[in-house]
C-alpha atoms as a PDB file:
ATOM      1  CA  MET A   1       0.025  -0.006  -0.036  1.00  0.00           C
ATOM      2  CA  LYS A   2       1.192   3.503  -0.894  1.00  0.00           C
ATOM      3  CA  THR A   3       1.547   6.094   1.839  1.00  0.00           C
ATOM      4  CA  LYS A   4      -1.529   8.224   1.879  1.00  0.00           C
ATOM      5  CA  ILE A   5      -1.327  11.954   1.417  1.00  0.00           C
ATOM      6  CA  TRP A   6      -3.449  14.116   3.691  1.00  0.00           C
ATOM      7  CA  ALA A   7      -3.808  17.812   2.961  1.00  0.00           C
ATOM      8  CA  HIS A   8      -2.871  19.826   6.075  1.00  0.00           C
ATOM      9  CA  ARG A   9      -5.797  22.208   6.647  1.00  0.00           C
ATOM     10  CA  GLY A  10      -6.551  21.496   2.999  1.00  0.00           C
ATOM     11  CA  ALA A  11      -4.011  22.528   0.348  1.00  0.00           C
ATOM     12  CA  SER A  12      -2.933  25.290   2.634  1.00  0.00           C
ATOM     13  CA  GLY A  13       0.227  26.013   0.741  1.00  0.00           C
ATOM     14  CA  TYR A  14      -1.963  27.503  -1.988  1.00  0.00           C
ATOM     15  CA  ALA A  15      -5.311  28.531  -0.498  1.00  0.00           C
ATOM     16  CA  PRO A  16      -6.487  29.961   2.819  1.00  0.00           C
ATOM     17  CA  GLU A  17      -6.100  27.275   5.435  1.00  0.00           C
ATOM     18  CA  ASN A  18      -9.151  25.337   6.716  1.00  0.00           C
ATOM     19  CA  THR A  19     -11.465  26.780   4.056  1.00  0.00           C
ATOM     20  CA  LEU A  20     -13.678  25.132   1.521  1.00  0.00           C
ATOM     21  CA  GLU A  21     -11.351  26.521  -1.117  1.00  0.00           C
ATOM     22  CA  ALA A  22      -8.411  24.758   0.442  1.00  0.00           C
ATOM     23  CA  PHE A  23     -10.319  21.425   0.717  1.00  0.00           C
ATOM     24  CA  GLU A  24     -11.622  21.650  -2.818  1.00  0.00           C
ATOM     25  CA  LEU A  25      -8.075  22.236  -4.089  1.00  0.00           C
ATOM     26  CA  ALA A  26      -6.866  19.251  -2.147  1.00  0.00           C
ATOM     27  CA  VAL A  27      -9.357  17.087  -4.003  1.00  0.00           C
ATOM     28  CA  LYS A  28      -8.219  18.473  -7.312  1.00  0.00           C
ATOM     29  CA  GLN A  29      -4.521  17.816  -6.446  1.00  0.00           C
ATOM     30  CA  GLY A  30      -5.143  14.191  -5.793  1.00  0.00           C
ATOM     31  CA  ALA A  31      -5.002  14.028  -1.996  1.00  0.00           C
ATOM     32  CA  ASP A  32      -6.170  10.881  -0.235  1.00  0.00           C
ATOM     33  CA  GLY A  33      -7.484  12.778   2.751  1.00  0.00           C
ATOM     34  CA  VAL A  34      -7.588  16.131   4.502  1.00  0.00           C
ATOM     35  CA  GLU A  35      -6.663  17.279   7.985  1.00  0.00           C
ATOM     36  CA  LEU A  36      -8.603  19.985   9.689  1.00  0.00           C
ATOM     37  CA  ASP A  37      -9.231  21.650  13.111  1.00  0.00           C
ATOM     38  CA  VAL A  38     -12.534  22.040  14.970  1.00  0.00           C
ATOM     39  CA  GLN A  39     -13.687  24.421  17.640  1.00  0.00           C
ATOM     40  CA  LEU A  40     -17.029  25.531  19.042  1.00  0.00           C
ATOM     41  CA  THR A  41     -18.653  29.023  18.612  1.00  0.00           C
ATOM     42  CA  LYS A  42     -20.522  30.907  21.217  1.00  0.00           C
ATOM     43  CA  ASP A  43     -23.721  29.214  20.054  1.00  0.00           C
ATOM     44  CA  ASN A  44     -22.112  25.731  20.075  1.00  0.00           C
ATOM     45  CA  LYS A  45     -21.583  25.347  16.339  1.00  0.00           C
ATOM     46  CA  LEU A  46     -18.613  23.227  15.033  1.00  0.00           C
ATOM     47  CA  VAL A  47     -16.379  25.466  12.909  1.00  0.00           C
ATOM     48  CA  VAL A  48     -13.217  24.608  11.106  1.00  0.00           C
ATOM     49  CA  ILE A  49     -10.297  26.851  12.270  1.00  0.00           C
ATOM     50  CA  HIS A  50      -6.877  26.115  13.839  1.00  0.00           C
ATOM     51  CA  ASP A  51      -6.180  28.956  16.271  1.00  0.00           C
ATOM     52  CA  GLU A  52      -8.319  29.650  19.296  1.00  0.00           C
ATOM     53  CA  LYS A  53      -8.402  33.294  18.147  1.00  0.00           C
ATOM     54  CA  ILE A  54      -9.132  34.667  14.635  1.00  0.00           C
ATOM     55  CA  ASP A  55      -6.317  37.193  14.726  1.00  0.00           C
ATOM     56  CA  ARG A  56      -3.618  35.449  12.603  1.00  0.00           C
ATOM     57  CA  VAL A  57      -5.834  34.444   9.703  1.00  0.00           C
ATOM     58  CA  SER A  58      -8.159  37.377   9.558  1.00  0.00           C
ATOM     59  CA  GLY A  59      -6.429  40.520  10.855  1.00  0.00           C
ATOM     60  CA  GLU A  60      -9.414  41.019  13.144  1.00  0.00           C
ATOM     61  CA  SER A  61      -9.404  40.016  16.800  1.00  0.00           C
ATOM     62  CA  GLY A  62     -11.225  37.781  19.231  1.00  0.00           C
ATOM     63  CA  PHE A  63     -11.685  34.203  20.394  1.00  0.00           C
ATOM     64  CA  VAL A  64     -13.665  31.782  18.309  1.00  0.00           C
ATOM     65  CA  LYS A  65     -15.738  30.932  21.380  1.00  0.00           C
ATOM     66  CA  ASP A  66     -16.920  34.572  21.645  1.00  0.00           C
ATOM     67  CA  PHE A  67     -18.499  34.651  18.207  1.00  0.00           C
ATOM     68  CA  THR A  68     -21.818  33.196  17.050  1.00  0.00           C
ATOM     69  CA  LEU A  69     -21.738  31.239  13.866  1.00  0.00           C
ATOM     70  CA  GLU A  70     -23.495  34.063  11.916  1.00  0.00           C
ATOM     71  CA  GLU A  71     -20.809  36.521  13.222  1.00  0.00           C
ATOM     72  CA  ILE A  72     -17.784  34.400  12.552  1.00  0.00           C
ATOM     73  CA  GLN A  73     -18.789  33.489   8.989  1.00  0.00           C
ATOM     74  CA  LYS A  74     -18.633  37.219   8.122  1.00  0.00           C
ATOM     75  CA  VAL A  75     -14.889  37.098   8.960  1.00  0.00           C
ATOM     76  CA  ASN A  76     -12.497  36.972   5.981  1.00  0.00           C
ATOM     77  CA  VAL A  77      -9.711  34.514   6.771  1.00  0.00           C
ATOM     78  CA  ASN A  78      -7.560  34.901   3.672  1.00  0.00           C
ATOM     79  CA  VAL A  79      -4.852  36.964   5.310  1.00  0.00           C
ATOM     80  CA  PRO A  80      -1.955  34.419   5.373  1.00  0.00           C
ATOM     81  CA  GLN A  81      -2.351  33.877   1.577  1.00  0.00           C
ATOM     82  CA  LYS A  82      -1.245  37.256   0.298  1.00  0.00           C
ATOM     83  CA  LYS A  83      -2.045  36.443  -3.317  1.00  0.00           C
ATOM     84  CA  TYR A  84      -5.497  35.220  -2.521  1.00  0.00           C
ATOM     85  CA  THR A  85      -7.930  38.177  -2.966  1.00  0.00           C
ATOM     86  CA  SER A  86     -11.348  36.504  -2.707  1.00  0.00           C
ATOM     87  CA  PHE A  87     -13.334  36.370   0.530  1.00  0.00           C
ATOM     88  CA  ALA A  88     -12.747  33.147   2.395  1.00  0.00           C
ATOM     89  CA  LYS A  89     -15.061  32.195   5.297  1.00  0.00           C
ATOM     90  CA  ILE A  90     -14.613  29.868   8.209  1.00  0.00           C
ATOM     91  CA  PRO A  91     -16.721  26.881   7.280  1.00  0.00           C
ATOM     92  CA  THR A  92     -18.703  24.572   9.642  1.00  0.00           C
ATOM     93  CA  LEU A  93     -17.698  20.959   9.828  1.00  0.00           C
ATOM     94  CA  GLN A  94     -21.010  20.026   8.286  1.00  0.00           C
ATOM     95  CA  GLU A  95     -20.138  22.131   5.265  1.00  0.00           C
ATOM     96  CA  VAL A  96     -16.845  20.357   4.849  1.00  0.00           C
ATOM     97  CA  TYR A  97     -18.467  16.990   4.986  1.00  0.00           C
ATOM     98  CA  GLU A  98     -20.951  18.006   2.384  1.00  0.00           C
ATOM     99  CA  LEU A  99     -18.094  19.065   0.113  1.00  0.00           C
ATOM    100  CA  LEU A 100     -15.960  15.902   0.684  1.00  0.00           C
ATOM    101  CA  LYS A 101     -18.597  13.249   0.991  1.00  0.00           C
ATOM    102  CA  PRO A 102     -18.747  12.484  -2.736  1.00  0.00           C
ATOM    103  CA  THR A 103     -14.939  12.295  -3.057  1.00  0.00           C
ATOM    104  CA  GLY A 104     -14.179   9.322  -0.764  1.00  0.00           C
ATOM    105  CA  LEU A 105     -11.396  11.169   0.998  1.00  0.00           C
ATOM    106  CA  THR A 106     -10.579  10.481   4.617  1.00  0.00           C
ATOM    107  CA  VAL A 107     -11.032  13.380   7.056  1.00  0.00           C
ATOM    108  CA  ASN A 108      -8.720  13.767  10.071  1.00  0.00           C
ATOM    109  CA  VAL A 109     -10.595  15.959  12.551  1.00  0.00           C
ATOM    110  CA  GLU A 110      -8.336  17.506  15.132  1.00  0.00           C
ATOM    111  CA  LEU A 111     -10.176  18.573  18.290  1.00  0.00           C
ATOM    112  CA  LYS A 112      -8.575  21.855  19.509  1.00  0.00           C
ATOM    113  CA  THR A 113      -9.073  21.202  23.159  1.00  0.00           C
ATOM    114  CA  GLY A 114      -5.492  21.558  24.255  1.00  0.00           C
ATOM    115  CA  LYS A 115      -5.920  25.134  25.578  1.00  0.00           C
ATOM    116  CA  LEU A 116      -9.729  25.622  25.761  1.00  0.00           C
ATOM    117  CA  HIS A 117     -11.898  22.704  27.001  1.00  0.00           C
ATOM    118  CA  TYR A 118     -14.933  22.990  24.793  1.00  0.00           C
ATOM    119  CA  GLU A 119     -17.748  21.155  26.780  1.00  0.00           C
ATOM    120  CA  GLY A 120     -19.581  18.707  24.672  1.00  0.00           C
ATOM    121  CA  ILE A 121     -17.256  18.944  21.547  1.00  0.00           C
ATOM    122  CA  GLU A 122     -16.647  15.226  21.507  1.00  0.00           C
ATOM    123  CA  LYS A 123     -20.288  14.370  21.427  1.00  0.00           C
ATOM    124  CA  ALA A 124     -20.815  17.139  18.805  1.00  0.00           C
ATOM    125  CA  VAL A 125     -18.211  15.857  16.395  1.00  0.00           C
ATOM    126  CA  LEU A 126     -19.492  12.321  16.532  1.00  0.00           C
ATOM    127  CA  ALA A 127     -23.040  13.441  15.922  1.00  0.00           C
ATOM    128  CA  CYS A 128     -21.951  15.550  13.003  1.00  0.00           C
ATOM    129  CA  ALA A 129     -20.117  12.644  11.398  1.00  0.00           C
ATOM    130  CA  LYS A 130     -23.093  10.381  11.930  1.00  0.00           C
ATOM    131  CA  GLU A 131     -25.575  12.856  10.449  1.00  0.00           C
ATOM    132  CA  ALA A 132     -23.339  13.286   7.453  1.00  0.00           C
ATOM    133  CA  GLY A 133     -22.867   9.489   6.997  1.00  0.00           C
ATOM    134  CA  MET A 134     -19.097   9.902   7.352  1.00  0.00           C
ATOM    135  CA  GLU A 135     -18.411   7.793  10.483  1.00  0.00           C
ATOM    136  CA  GLU A 136     -16.331   5.295   8.563  1.00  0.00           C
ATOM    137  CA  ARG A 137     -14.084   7.976   7.026  1.00  0.00           C
ATOM    138  CA  VAL A 138     -13.107  10.034   9.969  1.00  0.00           C
ATOM    139  CA  CYS A 139     -10.019   9.834  12.201  1.00  0.00           C
ATOM    140  CA  TYR A 140     -10.113  11.932  15.393  1.00  0.00           C
ATOM    141  CA  SER A 141      -6.915  13.360  16.848  1.00  0.00           C
ATOM    142  CA  SER A 142      -5.914  15.741  19.599  1.00  0.00           C
ATOM    143  CA  PHE A 143      -3.024  16.877  21.737  1.00  0.00           C
ATOM    144  CA  ASN A 144      -5.521  16.502  24.618  1.00  0.00           C
ATOM    145  CA  HIS A 145      -5.700  12.744  24.949  1.00  0.00           C
ATOM    146  CA  GLU A 146      -8.570  13.065  27.423  1.00  0.00           C
ATOM    147  CA  SER A 147     -10.680  14.243  24.527  1.00  0.00           C
ATOM    148  CA  LEU A 148      -9.873  11.046  22.745  1.00  0.00           C
ATOM    149  CA  LEU A 149     -10.802   9.030  25.710  1.00  0.00           C
ATOM    150  CA  ARG A 150     -14.183  10.755  25.683  1.00  0.00           C
ATOM    151  CA  ILE A 151     -14.548   9.931  21.999  1.00  0.00           C
ATOM    152  CA  LYS A 152     -13.886   6.323  22.746  1.00  0.00           C
ATOM    153  CA  GLU A 153     -16.318   6.286  25.648  1.00  0.00           C
ATOM    154  CA  LEU A 154     -19.053   7.600  23.332  1.00  0.00           C
ATOM    155  CA  ASP A 155     -18.207   5.416  20.447  1.00  0.00           C
ATOM    156  CA  SER A 156     -15.639   2.613  20.882  1.00  0.00           C
ATOM    157  CA  LYS A 157     -15.451   2.070  17.148  1.00  0.00           C
ATOM    158  CA  ALA A 158     -14.343   5.657  16.484  1.00  0.00           C
ATOM    159  CA  LEU A 159     -10.743   5.825  14.936  1.00  0.00           C
ATOM    160  CA  CYS A 160      -8.480   7.931  17.181  1.00  0.00           C
ATOM    161  CA  GLY A 161      -4.874   9.122  16.875  1.00  0.00           C
ATOM    162  CA  ILE A 162      -2.685  10.676  19.556  1.00  0.00           C
ATOM    163  CA  LEU A 163      -1.022  13.983  18.542  1.00  0.00           C
ATOM    164  CA  PHE A 164       2.444  14.506  20.097  1.00  0.00           C
ATOM    165  CA  SER A 165       6.039  15.758  19.498  1.00  0.00           C
ATOM    166  CA  ASP A 166       9.374  16.196  21.264  1.00  0.00           C
ATOM    167  CA  GLY A 167      10.511  12.591  21.580  1.00  0.00           C
ATOM    168  CA  TRP A 168       8.038  10.603  23.609  1.00  0.00           C
ATOM    169  CA  LEU A 169       9.199   7.177  24.900  1.00  0.00           C
ATOM    170  CA  HIS A 170       7.225   4.231  23.531  1.00  0.00           C
ATOM    171  CA  PRO A 171       4.167   6.161  22.261  1.00  0.00           C
ATOM    172  CA  ALA A 172       3.048   3.150  20.314  1.00  0.00           C
ATOM    173  CA  PHE A 173       2.506   1.044  23.417  1.00  0.00           C
ATOM    174  CA  TYR A 174       0.879   3.926  25.192  1.00  0.00           C
ATOM    175  CA  ALA A 175      -1.568   4.391  22.371  1.00  0.00           C
ATOM    176  CA  LYS A 176      -2.264   0.551  22.380  1.00  0.00           C
ATOM    177  CA  ASP A 177      -2.909   0.640  26.120  1.00  0.00           C
ATOM    178  CA  TYR A 178      -5.668   3.147  25.622  1.00  0.00           C
ATOM    179  CA  SER A 179      -7.002   1.528  22.453  1.00  0.00           C
ATOM    180  CA  PHE A 180      -6.020   4.511  20.231  1.00  0.00           C
ATOM    181  CA  GLU A 181      -5.393   3.021  16.781  1.00  0.00           C
ATOM    182  CA  CYS A 182      -3.074   5.793  15.390  1.00  0.00           C
ATOM    183  CA  LEU A 183       0.044   7.729  16.171  1.00  0.00           C
ATOM    184  CA  HIS A 184       0.231  11.402  14.893  1.00  0.00           C
ATOM    185  CA  PRO A 185       3.909  12.297  15.473  1.00  0.00           C
ATOM    186  CA  ALA A 186       5.791  15.344  14.438  1.00  0.00           C
ATOM    187  CA  PHE A 187       8.279  14.425  11.691  1.00  0.00           C
ATOM    188  CA  PHE A 188      11.150  14.682  14.208  1.00  0.00           C
ATOM    189  CA  ASP A 189      10.051  11.581  16.037  1.00  0.00           C
ATOM    190  CA  LEU A 190      10.862   9.474  12.982  1.00  0.00           C
ATOM    191  CA  THR A 191      14.511  10.106  13.679  1.00  0.00           C
ATOM    192  CA  PHE A 192      14.406   7.682  16.585  1.00  0.00           C
ATOM    193  CA  PRO A 193      15.481   4.293  15.139  1.00  0.00           C
ATOM    194  CA  TRP A 194      12.961   2.393  17.310  1.00  0.00           C
ATOM    195  CA  PHE A 195       9.957   4.438  16.415  1.00  0.00           C
ATOM    196  CA  MET A 196       8.623   2.694  13.369  1.00  0.00           C
ATOM    197  CA  LYS A 197       9.585  -0.713  14.654  1.00  0.00           C
ATOM    198  CA  GLU A 198       7.554  -0.194  17.808  1.00  0.00           C
ATOM    199  CA  ALA A 199       4.600   1.262  15.886  1.00  0.00           C
ATOM    200  CA  ARG A 200       4.416  -1.878  13.673  1.00  0.00           C
ATOM    201  CA  GLN A 201       4.934  -4.214  16.639  1.00  0.00           C
ATOM    202  CA  ALA A 202       2.038  -2.481  18.422  1.00  0.00           C
ATOM    203  CA  GLU A 203       0.052  -2.487  15.163  1.00  0.00           C
ATOM    204  CA  ARG A 204      -0.568   1.266  15.199  1.00  0.00           C
ATOM    205  CA  LYS A 205      -0.983   3.346  12.070  1.00  0.00           C
ATOM    206  CA  VAL A 206       1.484   6.286  11.657  1.00  0.00           C
ATOM    207  CA  HIS A 207       0.222   9.640  10.328  1.00  0.00           C
ATOM    208  CA  VAL A 208       3.083  12.174  10.351  1.00  0.00           C
ATOM    209  CA  TRP A 209       2.813  16.028  10.482  1.00  0.00           C
ATOM    210  CA  THR A 210       3.695  18.444   8.888  1.00  0.00           C
ATOM    211  CA  VAL A 211       5.878  17.190   6.054  1.00  0.00           C
ATOM    212  CA  ASN A 212       6.603  19.665   3.187  1.00  0.00           C
ATOM    213  CA  ASN A 213      10.150  19.350   1.888  1.00  0.00           C
ATOM    214  CA  ARG A 214      11.395  16.573  -0.464  1.00  0.00           C
ATOM    215  CA  ASP A 215      13.994  14.979   1.880  1.00  0.00           C
ATOM    216  CA  ASP A 216      11.477  14.608   4.704  1.00  0.00           C
ATOM    217  CA  LEU A 217       8.765  13.296   2.338  1.00  0.00           C
ATOM    218  CA  GLU A 218      11.253  10.792   0.882  1.00  0.00           C
ATOM    219  CA  LYS A 219      12.136   9.636   4.418  1.00  0.00           C
ATOM    220  CA  CYS A 220       8.478   9.102   5.211  1.00  0.00           C
ATOM    221  CA  TYR A 221       7.969   7.063   2.098  1.00  0.00           C
ATOM    222  CA  SER A 222      11.048   4.913   2.719  1.00  0.00           C
ATOM    223  CA  LEU A 223       9.829   4.143   6.186  1.00  0.00           C
ATOM    224  CA  LYS A 224       6.278   3.349   4.735  1.00  0.00           C
ATOM    225  CA  VAL A 225       4.320   5.497   7.132  1.00  0.00           C
ATOM    226  CA  ASP A 226       0.692   5.195   6.704  1.00  0.00           C
ATOM    227  CA  ALA A 227       0.072   8.895   5.868  1.00  0.00           C
ATOM    228  CA  VAL A 228       1.934  12.194   5.506  1.00  0.00           C
ATOM    229  CA  ILE A 229       0.120  15.450   6.436  1.00  0.00           C
ATOM    230  CA  THR A 230       1.309  18.181   4.100  1.00  0.00           C
ATOM    231  CA  ASN A 231       0.547  21.724   2.905  1.00  0.00           C
ATOM    232  CA  TYR A 232       1.372  20.749  -0.641  1.00  0.00           C
ATOM    233  CA  PRO A 233      -0.487  17.573  -1.628  1.00  0.00           C
ATOM    234  CA  ASP A 234       0.381  17.930  -5.299  1.00  0.00           C
ATOM    235  CA  LYS A 235       4.114  18.007  -4.669  1.00  0.00           C
ATOM    236  CA  ALA A 236       3.883  15.219  -2.114  1.00  0.00           C
ATOM    237  CA  LYS A 237       2.020  13.008  -4.605  1.00  0.00           C
ATOM    238  CA  GLU A 238       4.473  13.779  -7.379  1.00  0.00           C
ATOM    239  CA  ILE A 239       7.442  12.661  -5.164  1.00  0.00           C
ATOM    240  CA  ARG A 240       5.520   9.646  -3.929  1.00  0.00           C
ATOM    241  CA  ASP A 241       4.925   8.552  -7.479  1.00  0.00           C
ATOM    242  CA  GLU A 242       8.569   8.840  -8.180  1.00  0.00           C
ATOM    243  CA  VAL A 243       9.915   6.843  -5.252  1.00  0.00           C
ATOM    244  CA  GLU A 244       7.210   4.283  -4.367  1.00  0.00           C
END
């Protein structure tokens, strides 16, 4: 099996991150999946945005949790992409599912609960996937592993991956102990010679973030990781086709 290519916040190297435009472009560029981030608005709607505040992507200011859905979807989040002049809105998770459902792509939903503990977000994401008929195509991840435990308590069949970095010891066995099926390491963790061996021994899938340059992509492919998460799915696909 070839290493899968998951578009990091969509094809975010080209289009505003975590927008419908970025996800649509990822599909066109041949990605196998997309990675995205979810948070809750003031009126408890699931929206797709990475930072807890809108400042970096919009030039405006405020926490996501302090906006209603109607208010936050009036915010233009195209700021990081200087050449992108069209209005780009923050989509709901439901809108992303509607876009991607016909494509067959996997969706990696990262719960942004590391700094803010959104009450009920785990139940909400599971309900959203079920309503969209996407349960079989979603992998949940978080740096807050308690959120993943809640996901498992609510739905033991839900696919979960632990996000981590900075050289953890034996993360594969940790994940197995808690019945988390996947490891989502920073690329740096692949430099440990025992990492992939333990992942395979523990029968955990490996989805690596965020891999953009050729040397790093080639290393991931040589190690046969299960998926690379990248801002440039077209380039990652081109390199994969050359080496695999």
